[in-house]
Amino acid sequence: MPWYNNFKPHRPLKRRVKDFFKHFDRHALDLLEKMLTLDPSQRISAKDALDEEYFWTSRAMSATVNTMRIRAPRWRRLCRRP
């Protein structure tokens, strides 16, 4: 990714994802951390993300979404295809 080097932070940034989303289960947090990695060469691919433990555990996505408390109209907008 050619643009990454232009916007790369000059110093390491503290990861705060786990602090902000501490109510998520650990599988959701692990996946979120991997998806939000700044360096594209280190970021998880969509194919690999679908194989993550998060999608294969019993609680999976429905439990995480329920804790987010998103109102129905906004949720419908988020779920629409672009």
PDB file of N, CA and C in Angstrom:
ATOM      1  N   MET A   1       0.839  -1.172   0.000  1.00  0.00           N
ATOM      2  CA  MET A   1       0.000   0.000   0.000  1.00  0.00           C
ATOM      3  C   MET A   1       0.892   1.246   0.000  1.00  0.00           C
ATOM      4  N   PRO A   2       0.974   1.927  -1.103  1.00  0.00           N
ATOM      5  CA  PRO A   2       1.907   3.043  -1.211  1.00  0.00           C
ATOM      6  C   PRO A   2       1.596   4.211  -0.280  1.00  0.00           C
ATOM      7  N   TRP A   3       0.350   4.454   0.047  1.00  0.00           N
ATOM      8  CA  TRP A   3      -0.004   5.610   0.873  1.00  0.00           C
ATOM      9  C   TRP A   3       0.278   5.387   2.350  1.00  0.00           C
ATOM     10  N   TYR A   4       0.384   4.165   2.782  1.00  0.00           N
ATOM     11  CA  TYR A   4       0.609   3.895   4.203  1.00  0.00           C
ATOM     12  C   TYR A   4       1.875   4.577   4.699  1.00  0.00           C
ATOM     13  N   ASN A   5       2.951   4.486   3.943  1.00  0.00           N
ATOM     14  CA  ASN A   5       4.214   5.085   4.387  1.00  0.00           C
ATOM     15  C   ASN A   5       4.127   6.598   4.510  1.00  0.00           C
ATOM     16  N   ASN A   6       3.281   7.243   3.708  1.00  0.00           N
ATOM     17  CA  ASN A   6       3.126   8.695   3.804  1.00  0.00           C
ATOM     18  C   ASN A   6       2.419   9.114   5.092  1.00  0.00           C
ATOM     19  N   PHE A   7       1.550   8.276   5.613  1.00  0.00           N
ATOM     20  CA  PHE A   7       0.751   8.623   6.786  1.00  0.00           C
ATOM     21  C   PHE A   7       1.119   7.809   8.024  1.00  0.00           C
ATOM     22  N   LYS A   8       2.177   7.057   7.924  1.00  0.00           N
ATOM     23  CA  LYS A   8       2.631   6.213   9.020  1.00  0.00           C
ATOM     24  C   LYS A   8       2.977   7.083  10.237  1.00  0.00           C
ATOM     25  N   PRO A   9       2.511   6.706  11.435  1.00  0.00           N
ATOM     26  CA  PRO A   9       2.837   7.489  12.634  1.00  0.00           C
ATOM     27  C   PRO A   9       4.346   7.504  12.885  1.00  0.00           C
ATOM     28  N   HIS A  10       4.836   8.609  13.401  1.00  0.00           N
ATOM     29  CA  HIS A  10       6.272   8.738  13.670  1.00  0.00           C
ATOM     30  C   HIS A  10       6.696   7.950  14.904  1.00  0.00           C
ATOM     31  N   ARG A  11       5.751   7.713  15.796  1.00  0.00           N
ATOM     32  CA  ARG A  11       6.028   6.927  17.001  1.00  0.00           C
ATOM     33  C   ARG A  11       4.905   5.903  17.169  1.00  0.00           C
ATOM     34  N   PRO A  12       5.184   4.832  17.867  1.00  0.00           N
ATOM     35  CA  PRO A  12       4.133   3.819  18.069  1.00  0.00           C
ATOM     36  C   PRO A  12       2.944   4.407  18.830  1.00  0.00           C
ATOM     37  N   LEU A  13       1.751   4.071  18.393  1.00  0.00           N
ATOM     38  CA  LEU A  13       0.543   4.543  19.054  1.00  0.00           C
ATOM     39  C   LEU A  13       0.029   3.476  20.014  1.00  0.00           C
ATOM     40  N   LYS A  14      -0.473   3.916  21.153  1.00  0.00           N
ATOM     41  CA  LYS A  14      -1.030   2.980  22.128  1.00  0.00           C
ATOM     42  C   LYS A  14      -2.347   2.424  21.597  1.00  0.00           C
ATOM     43  N   ARG A  15      -2.505   1.107  21.688  1.00  0.00           N
ATOM     44  CA  ARG A  15      -3.744   0.461  21.255  1.00  0.00           C
ATOM     45  C   ARG A  15      -4.779   0.631  22.358  1.00  0.00           C
ATOM     46  N   ARG A  16      -5.919   1.239  22.049  1.00  0.00           N
ATOM     47  CA  ARG A  16      -6.959   1.469  23.052  1.00  0.00           C
ATOM     48  C   ARG A  16      -8.253   0.723  22.733  1.00  0.00           C
ATOM     49  N   VAL A  17      -8.217  -0.115  21.747  1.00  0.00           N
ATOM     50  CA  VAL A  17      -9.421  -0.840  21.330  1.00  0.00           C
ATOM     51  C   VAL A  17      -9.978  -1.669  22.482  1.00  0.00           C
ATOM     52  N   LYS A  18      -9.108  -2.395  23.164  1.00  0.00           N
ATOM     53  CA  LYS A  18      -9.570  -3.269  24.252  1.00  0.00           C
ATOM     54  C   LYS A  18     -10.099  -2.460  25.434  1.00  0.00           C
ATOM     55  N   ASP A  19      -9.580  -1.260  25.646  1.00  0.00           N
ATOM     56  CA  ASP A  19     -10.098  -0.403  26.722  1.00  0.00           C
ATOM     57  C   ASP A  19     -11.482   0.126  26.362  1.00  0.00           C
ATOM     58  N   PHE A  20     -11.643   0.546  25.129  1.00  0.00           N
ATOM     59  CA  PHE A  20     -12.897   1.154  24.695  1.00  0.00           C
ATOM     60  C   PHE A  20     -14.027   0.130  24.567  1.00  0.00           C
ATOM     61  N   PHE A  21     -13.696  -1.067  24.087  1.00  0.00           N
ATOM     62  CA  PHE A  21     -14.703  -2.113  23.868  1.00  0.00           C
ATOM     63  C   PHE A  21     -14.556  -3.251  24.879  1.00  0.00           C
ATOM     64  N   LYS A  22     -14.249  -2.941  26.121  1.00  0.00           N
ATOM     65  CA  LYS A  22     -13.983  -3.982  27.125  1.00  0.00           C
ATOM     66  C   LYS A  22     -15.181  -4.887  27.408  1.00  0.00           C
ATOM     67  N   HIS A  23     -16.383  -4.451  27.041  1.00  0.00           N
ATOM     68  CA  HIS A  23     -17.569  -5.285  27.254  1.00  0.00           C
ATOM     69  C   HIS A  23     -17.753  -6.336  26.152  1.00  0.00           C
ATOM     70  N   PHE A  24     -16.958  -6.279  25.090  1.00  0.00           N
ATOM     71  CA  PHE A  24     -17.022  -7.296  24.033  1.00  0.00           C
ATOM     72  C   PHE A  24     -16.329  -8.567  24.528  1.00  0.00           C
ATOM     73  N   ASP A  25     -16.707  -9.716  23.961  1.00  0.00           N
ATOM     74  CA  ASP A  25     -16.012 -10.940  24.352  1.00  0.00           C
ATOM     75  C   ASP A  25     -14.621 -10.969  23.717  1.00  0.00           C
ATOM     76  N   ARG A  26     -13.768 -11.859  24.214  1.00  0.00           N
ATOM     77  CA  ARG A  26     -12.358 -11.829  23.789  1.00  0.00           C
ATOM     78  C   ARG A  26     -12.178 -12.159  22.311  1.00  0.00           C
ATOM     79  N   HIS A  27     -13.033 -13.004  21.746  1.00  0.00           N
ATOM     80  CA  HIS A  27     -12.910 -13.334  20.327  1.00  0.00           C
ATOM     81  C   HIS A  27     -13.234 -12.119  19.459  1.00  0.00           C
ATOM     82  N   ALA A  28     -14.235 -11.366  19.861  1.00  0.00           N
ATOM     83  CA  ALA A  28     -14.584 -10.145  19.126  1.00  0.00           C
ATOM     84  C   ALA A  28     -13.446  -9.138  19.216  1.00  0.00           C
ATOM     85  N   LEU A  29     -12.863  -8.983  20.396  1.00  0.00           N
ATOM     86  CA  LEU A  29     -11.755  -8.042  20.572  1.00  0.00           C
ATOM     87  C   LEU A  29     -10.533  -8.448  19.759  1.00  0.00           C
ATOM     88  N   ASP A  30     -10.226  -9.729  19.744  1.00  0.00           N
ATOM     89  CA  ASP A  30      -9.082 -10.204  18.958  1.00  0.00           C
ATOM     90  C   ASP A  30      -9.272  -9.885  17.478  1.00  0.00           C
ATOM     91  N   LEU A  31     -10.455 -10.160  16.961  1.00  0.00           N
ATOM     92  CA  LEU A  31     -10.730  -9.888  15.552  1.00  0.00           C
ATOM     93  C   LEU A  31     -10.683  -8.389  15.267  1.00  0.00           C
ATOM     94  N   LEU A  32     -11.275  -7.599  16.134  1.00  0.00           N
ATOM     95  CA  LEU A  32     -11.282  -6.148  15.953  1.00  0.00           C
ATOM     96  C   LEU A  32      -9.864  -5.591  15.933  1.00  0.00           C
ATOM     97  N   GLU A  33      -9.023  -6.054  16.829  1.00  0.00           N
ATOM     98  CA  GLU A  33      -7.617  -5.627  16.856  1.00  0.00           C
ATOM     99  C   GLU A  33      -6.926  -5.948  15.526  1.00  0.00           C
ATOM    100  N   LYS A  34      -7.156  -7.136  15.014  1.00  0.00           N
ATOM    101  CA  LYS A  34      -6.521  -7.546  13.760  1.00  0.00           C
ATOM    102  C   LYS A  34      -7.030  -6.735  12.571  1.00  0.00           C
ATOM    103  N   MET A  35      -8.316  -6.366  12.604  1.00  0.00           N
ATOM    104  CA  MET A  35      -8.890  -5.593  11.496  1.00  0.00           C
ATOM    105  C   MET A  35      -8.478  -4.124  11.545  1.00  0.00           C
ATOM    106  N   LEU A  36      -8.195  -3.605  12.723  1.00  0.00           N
ATOM    107  CA  LEU A  36      -7.852  -2.190  12.868  1.00  0.00           C
ATOM    108  C   LEU A  36      -6.349  -1.930  12.889  1.00  0.00           C
ATOM    109  N   THR A  37      -5.560  -2.897  12.476  1.00  0.00           N
ATOM    110  CA  THR A  37      -4.117  -2.714  12.385  1.00  0.00           C
ATOM    111  C   THR A  37      -3.809  -1.688  11.304  1.00  0.00           C
ATOM    112  N   LEU A  38      -2.997  -0.686  11.655  1.00  0.00           N
ATOM    113  CA  LEU A  38      -2.710   0.399  10.715  1.00  0.00           C
ATOM    114  C   LEU A  38      -1.938  -0.063   9.483  1.00  0.00           C
ATOM    115  N   ASP A  39      -0.935  -0.892   9.691  1.00  0.00           N
ATOM    116  CA  ASP A  39      -0.090  -1.336   8.582  1.00  0.00           C
ATOM    117  C   ASP A  39      -0.852  -2.364   7.737  1.00  0.00           C
ATOM    118  N   PRO A  40      -1.167  -2.022   6.484  1.00  0.00           N
ATOM    119  CA  PRO A  40      -1.939  -2.937   5.627  1.00  0.00           C
ATOM    120  C   PRO A  40      -1.286  -4.302   5.438  1.00  0.00           C
ATOM    121  N   SER A  41       0.046  -4.343   5.458  1.00  0.00           N
ATOM    122  CA  SER A  41       0.717  -5.633   5.270  1.00  0.00           C
ATOM    123  C   SER A  41       0.566  -6.532   6.502  1.00  0.00           C
ATOM    124  N   GLN A  42       0.254  -5.951   7.655  1.00  0.00           N
ATOM    125  CA  GLN A  42       0.064  -6.706   8.890  1.00  0.00           C
ATOM    126  C   GLN A  42      -1.409  -6.957   9.206  1.00  0.00           C
ATOM    127  N   ARG A  43      -2.305  -6.242   8.523  1.00  0.00           N
ATOM    128  CA  ARG A  43      -3.748  -6.334   8.779  1.00  0.00           C
ATOM    129  C   ARG A  43      -4.303  -7.667   8.273  1.00  0.00           C
ATOM    130  N   ILE A  44      -5.295  -8.195   8.961  1.00  0.00           N
ATOM    131  CA  ILE A  44      -5.922  -9.458   8.570  1.00  0.00           C
ATOM    132  C   ILE A  44      -6.716  -9.269   7.267  1.00  0.00           C
ATOM    133  N   SER A  45      -6.688 -10.267   6.414  1.00  0.00           N
ATOM    134  CA  SER A  45      -7.463 -10.205   5.168  1.00  0.00           C
ATOM    135  C   SER A  45      -8.916 -10.582   5.463  1.00  0.00           C
ATOM    136  N   ALA A  46      -9.804 -10.239   4.559  1.00  0.00           N
ATOM    137  CA  ALA A  46     -11.220 -10.582   4.728  1.00  0.00           C
ATOM    138  C   ALA A  46     -11.397 -12.098   4.781  1.00  0.00           C
ATOM    139  N   LYS A  47     -10.672 -12.802   3.941  1.00  0.00           N
ATOM    140  CA  LYS A  47     -10.765 -14.267   3.909  1.00  0.00           C
ATOM    141  C   LYS A  47     -10.335 -14.865   5.243  1.00  0.00           C
ATOM    142  N   ASP A  48      -9.212 -14.389   5.774  1.00  0.00           N
ATOM    143  CA  ASP A  48      -8.735 -14.901   7.058  1.00  0.00           C
ATOM    144  C   ASP A  48      -9.641 -14.473   8.211  1.00  0.00           C
ATOM    145  N   ALA A  49     -10.208 -13.281   8.108  1.00  0.00           N
ATOM    146  CA  ALA A  49     -11.108 -12.793   9.158  1.00  0.00           C
ATOM    147  C   ALA A  49     -12.320 -13.705   9.296  1.00  0.00           C
ATOM    148  N   LEU A  50     -12.828 -14.200   8.184  1.00  0.00           N
ATOM    149  CA  LEU A  50     -13.998 -15.083   8.231  1.00  0.00           C
ATOM    150  C   LEU A  50     -13.693 -16.429   8.881  1.00  0.00           C
ATOM    151  N   ASP A  51     -12.413 -16.784   8.960  1.00  0.00           N
ATOM    152  CA  ASP A  51     -12.018 -18.031   9.619  1.00  0.00           C
ATOM    153  C   ASP A  51     -11.687 -17.833  11.096  1.00  0.00           C
ATOM    154  N   GLU A  52     -11.791 -16.611  11.579  1.00  0.00           N
ATOM    155  CA  GLU A  52     -11.463 -16.322  12.979  1.00  0.00           C
ATOM    156  C   GLU A  52     -12.430 -17.014  13.935  1.00  0.00           C
ATOM    157  N   GLU A  53     -11.960 -17.275  15.123  1.00  0.00           N
ATOM    158  CA  GLU A  53     -12.732 -17.966  16.163  1.00  0.00           C
ATOM    159  C   GLU A  53     -14.048 -17.260  16.481  1.00  0.00           C
ATOM    160  N   TYR A  54     -14.074 -15.954  16.344  1.00  0.00           N
ATOM    161  CA  TYR A  54     -15.270 -15.160  16.640  1.00  0.00           C
ATOM    162  C   TYR A  54     -16.506 -15.687  15.912  1.00  0.00           C
ATOM    163  N   PHE A  55     -16.337 -16.052  14.656  1.00  0.00           N
ATOM    164  CA  PHE A  55     -17.475 -16.518  13.858  1.00  0.00           C
ATOM    165  C   PHE A  55     -17.846 -17.972  14.136  1.00  0.00           C
ATOM    166  N   TRP A  56     -17.027 -18.670  14.904  1.00  0.00           N
ATOM    167  CA  TRP A  56     -17.270 -20.092  15.143  1.00  0.00           C
ATOM    168  C   TRP A  56     -17.573 -20.403  16.604  1.00  0.00           C
ATOM    169  N   THR A  57     -17.784 -19.365  17.412  1.00  0.00           N
ATOM    170  CA  THR A  57     -18.152 -19.590  18.808  1.00  0.00           C
ATOM    171  C   THR A  57     -19.661 -19.454  18.950  1.00  0.00           C
ATOM    172  N   SER A  58     -20.194 -19.960  20.035  1.00  0.00           N
ATOM    173  CA  SER A  58     -21.653 -19.983  20.197  1.00  0.00           C
ATOM    174  C   SER A  58     -22.262 -18.593  20.327  1.00  0.00           C
ATOM    175  N   ARG A  59     -21.565 -17.660  20.960  1.00  0.00           N
ATOM    176  CA  ARG A  59     -22.127 -16.317  21.140  1.00  0.00           C
ATOM    177  C   ARG A  59     -22.069 -15.523  19.850  1.00  0.00           C
ATOM    178  N   ALA A  60     -20.999 -15.661  19.148  1.00  0.00           N
ATOM    179  CA  ALA A  60     -20.765 -14.994  17.859  1.00  0.00           C
ATOM    180  C   ALA A  60     -21.255 -13.551  17.825  1.00  0.00           C
ATOM    181  N   MET A  61     -21.671 -13.119  16.651  1.00  0.00           N
ATOM    182  CA  MET A  61     -21.962 -11.716  16.423  1.00  0.00           C
ATOM    183  C   MET A  61     -23.204 -11.215  17.146  1.00  0.00           C
ATOM    184  N   SER A  62     -24.222 -12.003  17.277  1.00  0.00           N
ATOM    185  CA  SER A  62     -25.477 -11.518  17.858  1.00  0.00           C
ATOM    186  C   SER A  62     -25.287 -10.981  19.270  1.00  0.00           C
ATOM    187  N   ALA A  63     -24.477 -11.625  20.079  1.00  0.00           N
ATOM    188  CA  ALA A  63     -24.256 -11.160  21.448  1.00  0.00           C
ATOM    189  C   ALA A  63     -23.505  -9.839  21.459  1.00  0.00           C
ATOM    190  N   THR A  64     -22.531  -9.688  20.579  1.00  0.00           N
ATOM    191  CA  THR A  64     -21.764  -8.449  20.521  1.00  0.00           C
ATOM    192  C   THR A  64     -22.638  -7.302  20.059  1.00  0.00           C
ATOM    193  N   VAL A  65     -23.432  -7.520  19.054  1.00  0.00           N
ATOM    194  CA  VAL A  65     -24.302  -6.469  18.537  1.00  0.00           C
ATOM    195  C   VAL A  65     -25.309  -6.042  19.595  1.00  0.00           C
ATOM    196  N   ASN A  66     -25.837  -6.976  20.358  1.00  0.00           N
ATOM    197  CA  ASN A  66     -26.805  -6.630  21.397  1.00  0.00           C
ATOM    198  C   ASN A  66     -26.220  -5.703  22.446  1.00  0.00           C
ATOM    199  N   THR A  67     -24.925  -5.806  22.734  1.00  0.00           N
ATOM    200  CA  THR A  67     -24.313  -4.943  23.742  1.00  0.00           C
ATOM    201  C   THR A  67     -24.030  -3.550  23.212  1.00  0.00           C
ATOM    202  N   MET A  68     -24.133  -3.346  21.917  1.00  0.00           N
ATOM    203  CA  MET A  68     -23.816  -2.049  21.326  1.00  0.00           C
ATOM    204  C   MET A  68     -24.952  -1.044  21.493  1.00  0.00           C
ATOM    205  N   ARG A  69     -26.161  -1.514  21.707  1.00  0.00           N
ATOM    206  CA  ARG A  69     -27.329  -0.651  21.911  1.00  0.00           C
ATOM    207  C   ARG A  69     -27.514   0.359  20.774  1.00  0.00           C
ATOM    208  N   ILE A  70     -27.599  -0.142  19.578  1.00  0.00           N
ATOM    209  CA  ILE A  70     -27.845   0.700  18.407  1.00  0.00           C
ATOM    210  C   ILE A  70     -29.342   0.709  18.146  1.00  0.00           C
ATOM    211  N   ARG A  71     -29.899   1.886  17.942  1.00  0.00           N
ATOM    212  CA  ARG A  71     -31.335   1.996  17.663  1.00  0.00           C
ATOM    213  C   ARG A  71     -31.638   1.381  16.299  1.00  0.00           C
ATOM    214  N   ALA A  72     -32.834   0.833  16.152  1.00  0.00           N
ATOM    215  CA  ALA A  72     -33.223   0.087  14.949  1.00  0.00           C
ATOM    216  C   ALA A  72     -33.025   0.863  13.647  1.00  0.00           C
ATOM    217  N   PRO A  73     -33.446   2.137  13.535  1.00  0.00           N
ATOM    218  CA  PRO A  73     -33.250   2.839  12.255  1.00  0.00           C
ATOM    219  C   PRO A  73     -31.772   2.945  11.864  1.00  0.00           C
ATOM    220  N   ARG A  74     -30.923   3.210  12.845  1.00  0.00           N
ATOM    221  CA  ARG A  74     -29.491   3.303  12.538  1.00  0.00           C
ATOM    222  C   ARG A  74     -28.945   1.929  12.148  1.00  0.00           C
ATOM    223  N   TRP A  75     -29.374   0.886  12.844  1.00  0.00           N
ATOM    224  CA  TRP A  75     -28.922  -0.467  12.534  1.00  0.00           C
ATOM    225  C   TRP A  75     -29.288  -0.839  11.099  1.00  0.00           C
ATOM    226  N   ARG A  76     -30.509  -0.477  10.666  1.00  0.00           N
ATOM    227  CA  ARG A  76     -30.921  -0.777   9.291  1.00  0.00           C
ATOM    228  C   ARG A  76     -30.033  -0.039   8.289  1.00  0.00           C
ATOM    229  N   ARG A  77     -29.681   1.204   8.587  1.00  0.00           N
ATOM    230  CA  ARG A  77     -28.788   1.962   7.695  1.00  0.00           C
ATOM    231  C   ARG A  77     -27.416   1.306   7.626  1.00  0.00           C
ATOM    232  N   LEU A  78     -26.910   0.834   8.754  1.00  0.00           N
ATOM    233  CA  LEU A  78     -25.594   0.199   8.783  1.00  0.00           C
ATOM    234  C   LEU A  78     -25.577  -1.119   8.013  1.00  0.00           C
ATOM    235  N   CYS A  79     -26.717  -1.800   7.972  1.00  0.00           N
ATOM    236  CA  CYS A  79     -26.789  -3.109   7.318  1.00  0.00           C
ATOM    237  C   CYS A  79     -27.057  -3.031   5.821  1.00  0.00           C
ATOM    238  N   ARG A  80     -27.429  -1.855   5.335  1.00  0.00           N
ATOM    239  CA  ARG A  80     -27.703  -1.715   3.895  1.00  0.00           C
ATOM    240  C   ARG A  80     -26.439  -1.902   3.073  1.00  0.00           C
ATOM    241  N   ARG A  81     -26.622  -2.455   1.918  1.00  0.00           N
ATOM    242  CA  ARG A  81     -25.481  -2.580   1.001  1.00  0.00           C
ATOM    243  C   ARG A  81     -25.144  -1.212   0.426  1.00  0.00           C
ATOM    244  N   PRO A  82     -23.860  -0.939   0.222  1.00  0.00           N
ATOM    245  CA  PRO A  82     -23.466   0.372  -0.349  1.00  0.00           C
ATOM    246  C   PRO A  82     -23.911   0.532  -1.786  1.00  0.00           C
TER     247      PRO A  82
END
